[in-house]
Structure formats: C-alpha cells, structure tokens
Amino acid sequence: MFIKVKMIGKEQMNTLVTNYLDECHIPYKIKYHTKPVFTSEDAARERGVKLTQIVKTMLLADGEQVIVAVLPAHKRLDVKKLKRVSGHKNLQFMDKESIEQKTGFILGAIAPVGRVLEGMLIYVDPSVFFEEFLDISSGDPRAGLELHRDVLKELLSNAIFAEIIKKE
C-alpha cells in the first residue's frame, strides 16, 4: 500500500497517526513547530492557536487494561470521575516507558486516534468539541495536526463520551 510521506524540512514525517489518517482518507492540516514540544501550552504557542483548541490525550492503566482519556488541554482530568465511569478502581497514570512500549507514542506526543489505540477503552469529555477546529498530536513532537471537530468526533465515534474533567 502506498502511503503519502509528509516532509519537515529535509526529514520525512511519517507517523502512526498520519499513516492512519491517510489510510482512512481523513482530511487534516499539518502544523509544523520551530522546535519539538511536549506540553499543550507549548503546542498552542507553536501552532498559533488557543489552548482550548488543543486536545490532550492521557493514558492510564489498571493492570493490563489501558484507558485513554481525551480532554481539552485547558482542563484537568478528574481521575475519580474516570474511575467511576470506567469501573476501573485502580487506575494509575502510565509512565514514559509503558506508553512507548504499549503504543509507540512518545510521552507528550500522544494522539487520540490510530490503530495503536484499538482495543483500548477511550473516554472523551464532550467539552473537547466546543471549538470548531481542534489540534491533536501528530505522534511526532515536531508537528501537530488540525482537524475539524466533526472529523474528530467521527474518528472517536466508538469512544465513551462522559464528563471526566474537574469542575473549576
């Protein structure tokens, strides 16, 4: 199968996420960074968007079961709510090595979509979709991807939508 190759300068950008989106014929826009970024705040600055447009993806585990939490970057995950809605009482944030081993993603460059997440329970806070255009990680800290909220919602259609953010 032929996969389009994205370019960053003279280097190729060919990630698990861009490959997946290309295979599914999903439209997206690559937003290159001037330097690798590993936080939502840095990603928003580099891409010239509001923090409310950045989608944060966090990985937790209860034993061997991986739980994916998807929320807007300006909000904080309420682990107690996630435990309650998922039924997993022993959830712990996954460490860098576990994330890389189980998903191939780099800590700080985790996307909410892709084949590597198949079989994992994905919980999405509905407030993710308040902005029309959303930015997710490309799986590479050197760039992010912009998607329309309807496209991301369709990509996450098998996820469980539940309030998992802390009240402020």
N, C-alpha and C. Protein backbone atom coordinates (compact mmCIF):
# COMPACT_ATOMS: atom_id res chain seq x y z
N MET A 1 0.84 -1.17 0.00
CA MET A 1 0.00 0.00 0.00
C MET A 1 0.89 1.25 0.00
N PHE A 2 0.53 2.24 -0.77
CA PHE A 2 1.28 3.47 -0.85
C PHE A 2 0.80 4.44 0.22
N ILE A 3 1.72 5.00 0.97
CA ILE A 3 1.38 5.97 1.99
C ILE A 3 2.09 7.28 1.66
N LYS A 4 1.32 8.38 1.65
CA LYS A 4 1.92 9.68 1.40
C LYS A 4 2.93 9.98 2.49
N VAL A 5 4.02 10.59 2.11
CA VAL A 5 5.04 10.97 3.07
C VAL A 5 4.99 12.48 3.25
N LYS A 6 4.93 12.92 4.49
CA LYS A 6 4.94 14.34 4.79
C LYS A 6 6.38 14.77 5.01
N MET A 7 6.68 16.00 4.72
CA MET A 7 8.05 16.47 4.87
C MET A 7 8.14 17.53 5.96
N ILE A 8 9.18 17.45 6.76
CA ILE A 8 9.54 18.51 7.70
C ILE A 8 10.97 18.88 7.33
N GLY A 9 11.12 20.00 6.67
CA GLY A 9 12.45 20.36 6.18
C GLY A 9 12.91 19.27 5.23
N LYS A 10 14.05 18.67 5.52
CA LYS A 10 14.55 17.59 4.69
C LYS A 10 14.22 16.23 5.27
N GLU A 11 13.55 16.23 6.43
CA GLU A 11 13.20 14.97 7.07
C GLU A 11 11.77 14.58 6.71
N GLN A 12 11.51 13.30 6.72
CA GLN A 12 10.17 12.81 6.44
C GLN A 12 9.34 12.82 7.72
N MET A 13 8.06 13.13 7.55
CA MET A 13 7.13 12.98 8.66
C MET A 13 6.19 11.85 8.29
N ASN A 14 6.37 10.75 8.94
CA ASN A 14 5.62 9.55 8.63
C ASN A 14 5.35 8.87 9.96
N THR A 15 4.21 9.21 10.58
CA THR A 15 3.94 8.70 11.92
C THR A 15 2.78 7.72 11.91
N LEU A 16 2.58 7.05 13.03
CA LEU A 16 1.44 6.16 13.17
C LEU A 16 0.13 6.91 12.94
N VAL A 17 0.08 8.16 13.37
CA VAL A 17 -1.14 8.96 13.25
C VAL A 17 -1.37 9.41 11.81
N THR A 18 -0.34 10.00 11.18
CA THR A 18 -0.54 10.47 9.80
C THR A 18 -0.79 9.29 8.86
N ASN A 19 -0.13 8.18 9.09
CA ASN A 19 -0.38 7.00 8.26
C ASN A 19 -1.83 6.54 8.38
N TYR A 20 -2.32 6.50 9.62
CA TYR A 20 -3.70 6.09 9.88
C TYR A 20 -4.69 7.04 9.19
N LEU A 21 -4.50 8.33 9.37
CA LEU A 21 -5.40 9.31 8.75
C LEU A 21 -5.35 9.23 7.22
N ASP A 22 -4.15 9.05 6.68
CA ASP A 22 -4.03 8.91 5.22
C ASP A 22 -4.75 7.66 4.72
N GLU A 23 -4.57 6.54 5.42
CA GLU A 23 -5.23 5.29 5.02
C GLU A 23 -6.75 5.42 5.05
N CYS A 24 -7.25 6.21 6.01
CA CYS A 24 -8.70 6.42 6.15
C CYS A 24 -9.22 7.58 5.31
N HIS A 25 -8.32 8.21 4.56
CA HIS A 25 -8.67 9.37 3.72
C HIS A 25 -9.31 10.49 4.54
N ILE A 26 -8.73 10.76 5.69
CA ILE A 26 -9.21 11.80 6.60
C ILE A 26 -8.46 13.09 6.31
N PRO A 27 -9.19 14.20 6.10
CA PRO A 27 -8.51 15.48 5.85
C PRO A 27 -7.93 16.06 7.15
N TYR A 28 -6.71 16.56 7.06
CA TYR A 28 -6.07 17.21 8.20
C TYR A 28 -5.03 18.18 7.67
N LYS A 29 -4.62 19.08 8.53
CA LYS A 29 -3.60 20.07 8.19
C LYS A 29 -2.44 19.88 9.15
N ILE A 30 -1.23 19.79 8.61
CA ILE A 30 -0.04 19.67 9.45
C ILE A 30 0.39 21.07 9.88
N LYS A 31 0.68 21.21 11.17
CA LYS A 31 1.19 22.46 11.71
C LYS A 31 2.57 22.18 12.30
N TYR A 32 3.58 22.66 11.58
CA TYR A 32 4.96 22.39 11.98
C TYR A 32 5.39 23.29 13.14
N HIS A 33 6.23 22.77 13.98
CA HIS A 33 6.79 23.52 15.10
C HIS A 33 8.20 23.99 14.75
N THR A 34 8.64 25.06 15.38
CA THR A 34 10.02 25.51 15.18
C THR A 34 10.98 24.68 16.03
N LYS A 35 10.42 23.97 17.02
CA LYS A 35 11.21 23.09 17.89
C LYS A 35 10.27 22.00 18.41
N PRO A 36 10.78 20.87 18.83
CA PRO A 36 9.92 19.83 19.41
C PRO A 36 9.22 20.36 20.66
N VAL A 37 7.95 20.00 20.82
CA VAL A 37 7.19 20.42 22.01
C VAL A 37 6.60 19.19 22.69
N PHE A 38 6.46 19.29 24.02
CA PHE A 38 5.96 18.16 24.79
C PHE A 38 4.86 18.55 25.77
N THR A 39 4.42 19.82 25.71
CA THR A 39 3.31 20.25 26.57
C THR A 39 2.24 20.89 25.70
N SER A 40 1.03 20.89 26.20
CA SER A 40 -0.09 21.50 25.48
C SER A 40 0.12 23.00 25.31
N GLU A 41 0.65 23.64 26.34
CA GLU A 41 0.89 25.08 26.28
C GLU A 41 1.89 25.43 25.19
N ASP A 42 2.98 24.66 25.12
CA ASP A 42 3.98 24.90 24.07
C ASP A 42 3.40 24.60 22.69
N ALA A 43 2.59 23.57 22.59
CA ALA A 43 1.96 23.22 21.30
C ALA A 43 1.06 24.36 20.82
N ALA A 44 0.26 24.91 21.72
CA ALA A 44 -0.63 26.01 21.35
C ALA A 44 0.17 27.21 20.86
N ARG A 45 1.25 27.55 21.57
CA ARG A 45 2.10 28.67 21.15
C ARG A 45 2.71 28.42 19.78
N GLU A 46 3.28 27.24 19.59
CA GLU A 46 3.94 26.91 18.32
C GLU A 46 2.96 26.91 17.14
N ARG A 47 1.74 26.49 17.39
CA ARG A 47 0.75 26.37 16.31
C ARG A 47 -0.10 27.62 16.15
N GLY A 48 0.06 28.58 17.05
CA GLY A 48 -0.69 29.82 16.96
C GLY A 48 -2.19 29.64 17.18
N VAL A 49 -2.55 28.77 18.13
CA VAL A 49 -3.96 28.53 18.44
C VAL A 49 -4.19 28.74 19.93
N LYS A 50 -5.46 28.81 20.30
CA LYS A 50 -5.82 28.91 21.72
C LYS A 50 -5.62 27.54 22.38
N LEU A 51 -5.34 27.57 23.66
CA LEU A 51 -5.18 26.33 24.41
C LEU A 51 -6.46 25.50 24.36
N THR A 52 -7.61 26.16 24.23
CA THR A 52 -8.90 25.46 24.16
C THR A 52 -9.03 24.62 22.89
N GLN A 53 -8.18 24.86 21.90
CA GLN A 53 -8.22 24.09 20.65
C GLN A 53 -7.32 22.85 20.70
N ILE A 54 -6.47 22.78 21.69
CA ILE A 54 -5.55 21.64 21.81
C ILE A 54 -6.27 20.50 22.52
N VAL A 55 -6.18 19.31 21.94
CA VAL A 55 -6.79 18.12 22.53
C VAL A 55 -5.68 17.33 23.23
N LYS A 56 -5.89 17.11 24.51
CA LYS A 56 -4.93 16.40 25.34
C LYS A 56 -5.36 14.94 25.45
N THR A 57 -4.40 14.04 25.28
CA THR A 57 -4.66 12.60 25.37
C THR A 57 -3.77 12.03 26.46
N MET A 58 -4.40 11.39 27.44
CA MET A 58 -3.67 10.84 28.58
C MET A 58 -3.92 9.34 28.66
N LEU A 59 -2.89 8.61 29.03
CA LEU A 59 -3.01 7.16 29.15
C LEU A 59 -2.86 6.72 30.60
N LEU A 60 -3.82 5.92 31.02
CA LEU A 60 -3.82 5.35 32.36
C LEU A 60 -3.99 3.85 32.23
N ALA A 61 -3.66 3.12 33.28
CA ALA A 61 -3.81 1.67 33.23
C ALA A 61 -4.32 1.14 34.56
N ASP A 62 -5.06 0.06 34.44
CA ASP A 62 -5.50 -0.73 35.59
C ASP A 62 -5.03 -2.14 35.26
N GLY A 63 -3.87 -2.48 35.76
CA GLY A 63 -3.26 -3.76 35.36
C GLY A 63 -2.88 -3.69 33.90
N GLU A 64 -3.37 -4.64 33.12
CA GLU A 64 -3.08 -4.67 31.68
C GLU A 64 -4.05 -3.83 30.85
N GLN A 65 -5.17 -3.42 31.45
CA GLN A 65 -6.17 -2.63 30.71
C GLN A 65 -5.74 -1.16 30.63
N VAL A 66 -5.57 -0.68 29.39
CA VAL A 66 -5.20 0.71 29.18
C VAL A 66 -6.47 1.53 28.96
N ILE A 67 -6.54 2.66 29.62
CA ILE A 67 -7.65 3.59 29.49
C ILE A 67 -7.10 4.88 28.88
N VAL A 68 -7.76 5.36 27.84
CA VAL A 68 -7.36 6.59 27.16
C VAL A 68 -8.35 7.68 27.57
N ALA A 69 -7.83 8.80 28.06
CA ALA A 69 -8.66 9.94 28.43
C ALA A 69 -8.37 11.08 27.46
N VAL A 70 -9.44 11.61 26.85
CA VAL A 70 -9.30 12.69 25.86
C VAL A 70 -10.07 13.89 26.39
N LEU A 71 -9.37 15.02 26.51
CA LEU A 71 -9.98 16.21 27.07
C LEU A 71 -9.33 17.46 26.51
N PRO A 72 -9.99 18.61 26.67
CA PRO A 72 -9.37 19.85 26.21
C PRO A 72 -8.15 20.17 27.07
N ALA A 73 -7.12 20.73 26.45
CA ALA A 73 -5.85 20.95 27.15
C ALA A 73 -5.94 21.94 28.30
N HIS A 74 -6.92 22.82 28.27
CA HIS A 74 -7.02 23.81 29.35
C HIS A 74 -7.76 23.27 30.57
N LYS A 75 -8.18 22.02 30.52
CA LYS A 75 -8.89 21.39 31.63
C LYS A 75 -8.02 20.32 32.27
N ARG A 76 -8.39 19.92 33.49
CA ARG A 76 -7.67 18.87 34.21
C ARG A 76 -8.52 17.62 34.31
N LEU A 77 -7.90 16.49 34.15
CA LEU A 77 -8.59 15.21 34.27
C LEU A 77 -8.98 14.98 35.71
N ASP A 78 -10.22 14.55 35.92
CA ASP A 78 -10.69 14.15 37.25
C ASP A 78 -10.61 12.63 37.29
N VAL A 79 -9.55 12.12 37.87
CA VAL A 79 -9.30 10.68 37.89
C VAL A 79 -10.41 9.94 38.63
N LYS A 80 -10.97 10.56 39.67
CA LYS A 80 -12.07 9.92 40.41
C LYS A 80 -13.28 9.72 39.50
N LYS A 81 -13.60 10.72 38.68
CA LYS A 81 -14.72 10.58 37.74
C LYS A 81 -14.42 9.48 36.72
N LEU A 82 -13.18 9.46 36.23
CA LEU A 82 -12.81 8.44 35.24
C LEU A 82 -12.89 7.04 35.85
N LYS A 83 -12.46 6.89 37.08
CA LYS A 83 -12.56 5.59 37.77
C LYS A 83 -14.03 5.18 37.89
N ARG A 84 -14.87 6.14 38.24
CA ARG A 84 -16.30 5.85 38.42
C ARG A 84 -16.96 5.44 37.11
N VAL A 85 -16.74 6.22 36.03
CA VAL A 85 -17.42 5.90 34.77
C VAL A 85 -16.84 4.67 34.08
N SER A 86 -15.55 4.39 34.31
CA SER A 86 -14.92 3.25 33.66
C SER A 86 -15.09 1.95 34.45
N GLY A 87 -15.33 2.09 35.77
CA GLY A 87 -15.41 0.90 36.61
C GLY A 87 -14.04 0.36 36.98
N HIS A 88 -12.98 1.07 36.62
CA HIS A 88 -11.60 0.66 36.94
C HIS A 88 -11.14 1.46 38.14
N LYS A 89 -11.10 0.81 39.29
CA LYS A 89 -10.80 1.49 40.55
C LYS A 89 -9.32 1.69 40.82
N ASN A 90 -8.46 0.98 40.10
CA ASN A 90 -7.02 1.05 40.36
C ASN A 90 -6.26 1.75 39.24
N LEU A 91 -6.86 2.75 38.63
CA LEU A 91 -6.21 3.47 37.54
C LEU A 91 -4.98 4.23 38.01
N GLN A 92 -3.92 4.11 37.26
CA GLN A 92 -2.69 4.84 37.52
C GLN A 92 -2.20 5.42 36.19
N PHE A 93 -1.62 6.62 36.23
CA PHE A 93 -1.04 7.18 35.02
C PHE A 93 0.10 6.29 34.55
N MET A 94 0.16 6.05 33.27
CA MET A 94 1.22 5.22 32.72
C MET A 94 2.52 6.02 32.66
N ASP A 95 3.64 5.35 32.89
CA ASP A 95 4.93 6.03 32.81
C ASP A 95 5.43 6.03 31.36
N LYS A 96 6.46 6.81 31.15
CA LYS A 96 7.03 7.01 29.80
C LYS A 96 7.33 5.69 29.10
N GLU A 97 8.00 4.79 29.80
CA GLU A 97 8.41 3.52 29.20
C GLU A 97 7.20 2.67 28.82
N SER A 98 6.19 2.62 29.69
CA SER A 98 4.99 1.84 29.41
C SER A 98 4.23 2.40 28.21
N ILE A 99 4.15 3.72 28.13
CA ILE A 99 3.46 4.36 27.00
C ILE A 99 4.15 4.00 25.69
N GLU A 100 5.46 4.15 25.67
CA GLU A 100 6.21 3.86 24.44
C GLU A 100 6.11 2.39 24.07
N GLN A 101 6.18 1.51 25.07
CA GLN A 101 6.13 0.07 24.82
C GLN A 101 4.77 -0.37 24.30
N LYS A 102 3.69 0.12 24.92
CA LYS A 102 2.34 -0.33 24.55
C LYS A 102 1.78 0.36 23.31
N THR A 103 2.22 1.60 23.03
CA THR A 103 1.60 2.35 21.93
C THR A 103 2.56 2.79 20.84
N GLY A 104 3.82 2.94 21.16
CA GLY A 104 4.76 3.51 20.20
C GLY A 104 4.76 5.03 20.24
N PHE A 105 3.87 5.62 21.03
CA PHE A 105 3.84 7.08 21.18
C PHE A 105 4.92 7.54 22.15
N ILE A 106 5.34 8.78 21.96
CA ILE A 106 6.28 9.44 22.86
C ILE A 106 5.47 10.22 23.88
N LEU A 107 5.85 10.17 25.15
CA LEU A 107 5.17 10.95 26.16
C LEU A 107 5.18 12.42 25.74
N GLY A 108 4.01 13.04 25.73
CA GLY A 108 3.89 14.42 25.29
C GLY A 108 3.53 14.55 23.82
N ALA A 109 3.44 13.42 23.11
CA ALA A 109 3.08 13.45 21.68
C ALA A 109 2.08 12.32 21.40
N ILE A 110 1.08 12.20 22.27
CA ILE A 110 0.10 11.13 22.17
C ILE A 110 -1.15 11.66 21.47
N ALA A 111 -1.59 10.96 20.45
CA ALA A 111 -2.79 11.35 19.70
C ALA A 111 -3.98 10.50 20.17
N PRO A 112 -5.19 11.04 20.05
CA PRO A 112 -6.38 10.29 20.48
C PRO A 112 -6.91 9.33 19.43
N VAL A 113 -6.22 9.19 18.31
CA VAL A 113 -6.69 8.33 17.22
C VAL A 113 -5.56 7.45 16.71
N GLY A 114 -5.95 6.37 16.05
CA GLY A 114 -4.96 5.50 15.42
C GLY A 114 -5.16 4.04 15.77
N ARG A 115 -4.58 3.20 14.97
CA ARG A 115 -4.70 1.75 15.16
C ARG A 115 -4.12 1.28 16.49
N VAL A 116 -3.08 1.96 16.98
CA VAL A 116 -2.45 1.51 18.23
C VAL A 116 -3.41 1.62 19.42
N LEU A 117 -4.47 2.40 19.29
CA LEU A 117 -5.43 2.54 20.38
C LEU A 117 -6.58 1.53 20.30
N GLU A 118 -6.63 0.77 19.22
CA GLU A 118 -7.69 -0.22 19.08
C GLU A 118 -7.61 -1.22 20.22
N GLY A 119 -8.75 -1.52 20.81
CA GLY A 119 -8.80 -2.44 21.93
C GLY A 119 -8.67 -1.76 23.27
N MET A 120 -8.32 -0.47 23.24
CA MET A 120 -8.23 0.29 24.49
C MET A 120 -9.57 0.99 24.71
N LEU A 121 -9.92 1.18 25.96
CA LEU A 121 -11.13 1.93 26.29
C LEU A 121 -10.81 3.41 26.20
N ILE A 122 -11.58 4.13 25.39
CA ILE A 122 -11.34 5.56 25.19
C ILE A 122 -12.52 6.34 25.78
N TYR A 123 -12.20 7.27 26.67
CA TYR A 123 -13.20 8.13 27.29
C TYR A 123 -12.93 9.57 26.84
N VAL A 124 -13.96 10.20 26.30
CA VAL A 124 -13.83 11.56 25.77
C VAL A 124 -14.75 12.50 26.52
N ASP A 125 -14.19 13.58 27.03
CA ASP A 125 -15.04 14.60 27.64
C ASP A 125 -15.70 15.39 26.50
N PRO A 126 -17.02 15.53 26.51
CA PRO A 126 -17.72 16.22 25.42
C PRO A 126 -17.27 17.66 25.20
N SER A 127 -16.68 18.30 26.22
CA SER A 127 -16.22 19.68 26.06
C SER A 127 -15.06 19.81 25.08
N VAL A 128 -14.48 18.69 24.66
CA VAL A 128 -13.43 18.71 23.64
C VAL A 128 -13.93 19.40 22.37
N PHE A 129 -15.20 19.24 22.08
CA PHE A 129 -15.74 19.67 20.78
C PHE A 129 -16.31 21.08 20.76
N PHE A 130 -16.01 21.91 21.77
CA PHE A 130 -16.52 23.27 21.80
C PHE A 130 -15.93 24.14 20.70
N GLU A 131 -14.68 23.92 20.34
CA GLU A 131 -14.03 24.69 19.28
C GLU A 131 -14.30 24.03 17.93
N GLU A 132 -14.38 24.84 16.86
CA GLU A 132 -14.65 24.27 15.54
C GLU A 132 -13.46 23.50 14.99
N PHE A 133 -12.26 24.05 15.15
CA PHE A 133 -11.05 23.37 14.69
C PHE A 133 -10.21 22.98 15.90
N LEU A 134 -9.74 21.74 15.88
CA LEU A 134 -9.02 21.18 17.00
C LEU A 134 -7.66 20.69 16.56
N ASP A 135 -6.70 20.77 17.46
CA ASP A 135 -5.35 20.31 17.18
C ASP A 135 -5.03 19.10 18.04
N ILE A 136 -4.57 18.05 17.39
CA ILE A 136 -4.12 16.85 18.08
C ILE A 136 -2.64 16.65 17.79
N SER A 137 -2.02 15.77 18.52
CA SER A 137 -0.63 15.45 18.25
C SER A 137 -0.54 14.65 16.95
N SER A 138 0.56 14.84 16.26
CA SER A 138 0.83 14.05 15.05
C SER A 138 1.52 12.75 15.41
N GLY A 139 1.88 12.60 16.70
CA GLY A 139 2.69 11.47 17.11
C GLY A 139 4.17 11.80 17.04
N ASP A 140 4.47 13.01 16.60
CA ASP A 140 5.84 13.49 16.46
C ASP A 140 5.88 14.87 17.13
N PRO A 141 6.78 15.10 18.08
CA PRO A 141 6.80 16.39 18.78
C PRO A 141 7.17 17.58 17.89
N ARG A 142 7.50 17.33 16.62
CA ARG A 142 7.88 18.42 15.72
C ARG A 142 6.70 19.01 14.95
N ALA A 143 5.49 18.44 15.14
CA ALA A 143 4.33 18.96 14.41
C ALA A 143 3.05 18.48 15.06
N GLY A 144 1.99 19.23 14.82
CA GLY A 144 0.66 18.85 15.25
C GLY A 144 -0.26 18.77 14.05
N LEU A 145 -1.47 18.30 14.28
CA LEU A 145 -2.44 18.15 13.20
C LEU A 145 -3.72 18.88 13.56
N GLU A 146 -4.27 19.60 12.59
CA GLU A 146 -5.55 20.27 12.79
C GLU A 146 -6.65 19.47 12.10
N LEU A 147 -7.75 19.25 12.82
CA LEU A 147 -8.91 18.55 12.29
C LEU A 147 -10.16 19.38 12.60
N HIS A 148 -11.16 19.25 11.76
CA HIS A 148 -12.45 19.84 12.10
C HIS A 148 -13.06 18.99 13.21
N ARG A 149 -13.80 19.63 14.12
CA ARG A 149 -14.37 18.89 15.26
C ARG A 149 -15.27 17.73 14.82
N ASP A 150 -16.00 17.89 13.70
CA ASP A 150 -16.87 16.81 13.23
C ASP A 150 -16.05 15.60 12.77
N VAL A 151 -14.88 15.86 12.19
CA VAL A 151 -14.00 14.77 11.76
C VAL A 151 -13.47 14.02 12.98
N LEU A 152 -13.01 14.77 13.99
CA LEU A 152 -12.51 14.12 15.20
C LEU A 152 -13.62 13.35 15.90
N LYS A 153 -14.81 13.93 15.95
CA LYS A 153 -15.94 13.26 16.59
C LYS A 153 -16.24 11.94 15.89
N GLU A 154 -16.17 11.93 14.58
CA GLU A 154 -16.40 10.70 13.81
C GLU A 154 -15.29 9.68 14.09
N LEU A 155 -14.05 10.15 14.14
CA LEU A 155 -12.93 9.25 14.44
C LEU A 155 -13.07 8.63 15.83
N LEU A 156 -13.71 9.36 16.73
CA LEU A 156 -13.88 8.88 18.11
C LEU A 156 -15.27 8.31 18.37
N SER A 157 -15.97 7.96 17.31
CA SER A 157 -17.37 7.52 17.45
C SER A 157 -17.53 6.25 18.30
N ASN A 158 -16.49 5.45 18.42
CA ASN A 158 -16.57 4.24 19.25
C ASN A 158 -16.16 4.49 20.70
N ALA A 159 -15.79 5.72 21.00
CA ALA A 159 -15.38 6.07 22.36
C ALA A 159 -16.60 6.24 23.26
N ILE A 160 -16.35 6.31 24.54
CA ILE A 160 -17.40 6.57 25.53
C ILE A 160 -17.31 8.05 25.87
N PHE A 161 -18.41 8.77 25.67
CA PHE A 161 -18.45 10.19 25.95
C PHE A 161 -19.00 10.39 27.36
N ALA A 162 -18.20 11.00 28.22
CA ALA A 162 -18.58 11.19 29.62
C ALA A 162 -17.79 12.37 30.18
N GLU A 163 -18.38 13.05 31.17
CA GLU A 163 -17.68 14.16 31.81
C GLU A 163 -16.57 13.58 32.68
N ILE A 164 -15.32 13.89 32.32
CA ILE A 164 -14.16 13.37 33.05
C ILE A 164 -13.22 14.49 33.48
N ILE A 165 -13.67 15.74 33.36
CA ILE A 165 -12.81 16.86 33.75
C ILE A 165 -13.23 17.38 35.12
N LYS A 166 -12.26 18.04 35.78
CA LYS A 166 -12.52 18.64 37.08
C LYS A 166 -13.35 19.91 36.90
N LYS A 167 -14.28 20.13 37.80
CA LYS A 167 -15.06 21.37 37.83
C LYS A 167 -14.14 22.47 38.36
N GLU A 168 -14.28 23.65 37.75
CA GLU A 168 -13.41 24.77 38.21
C GLU A 168 -14.22 25.88 38.78
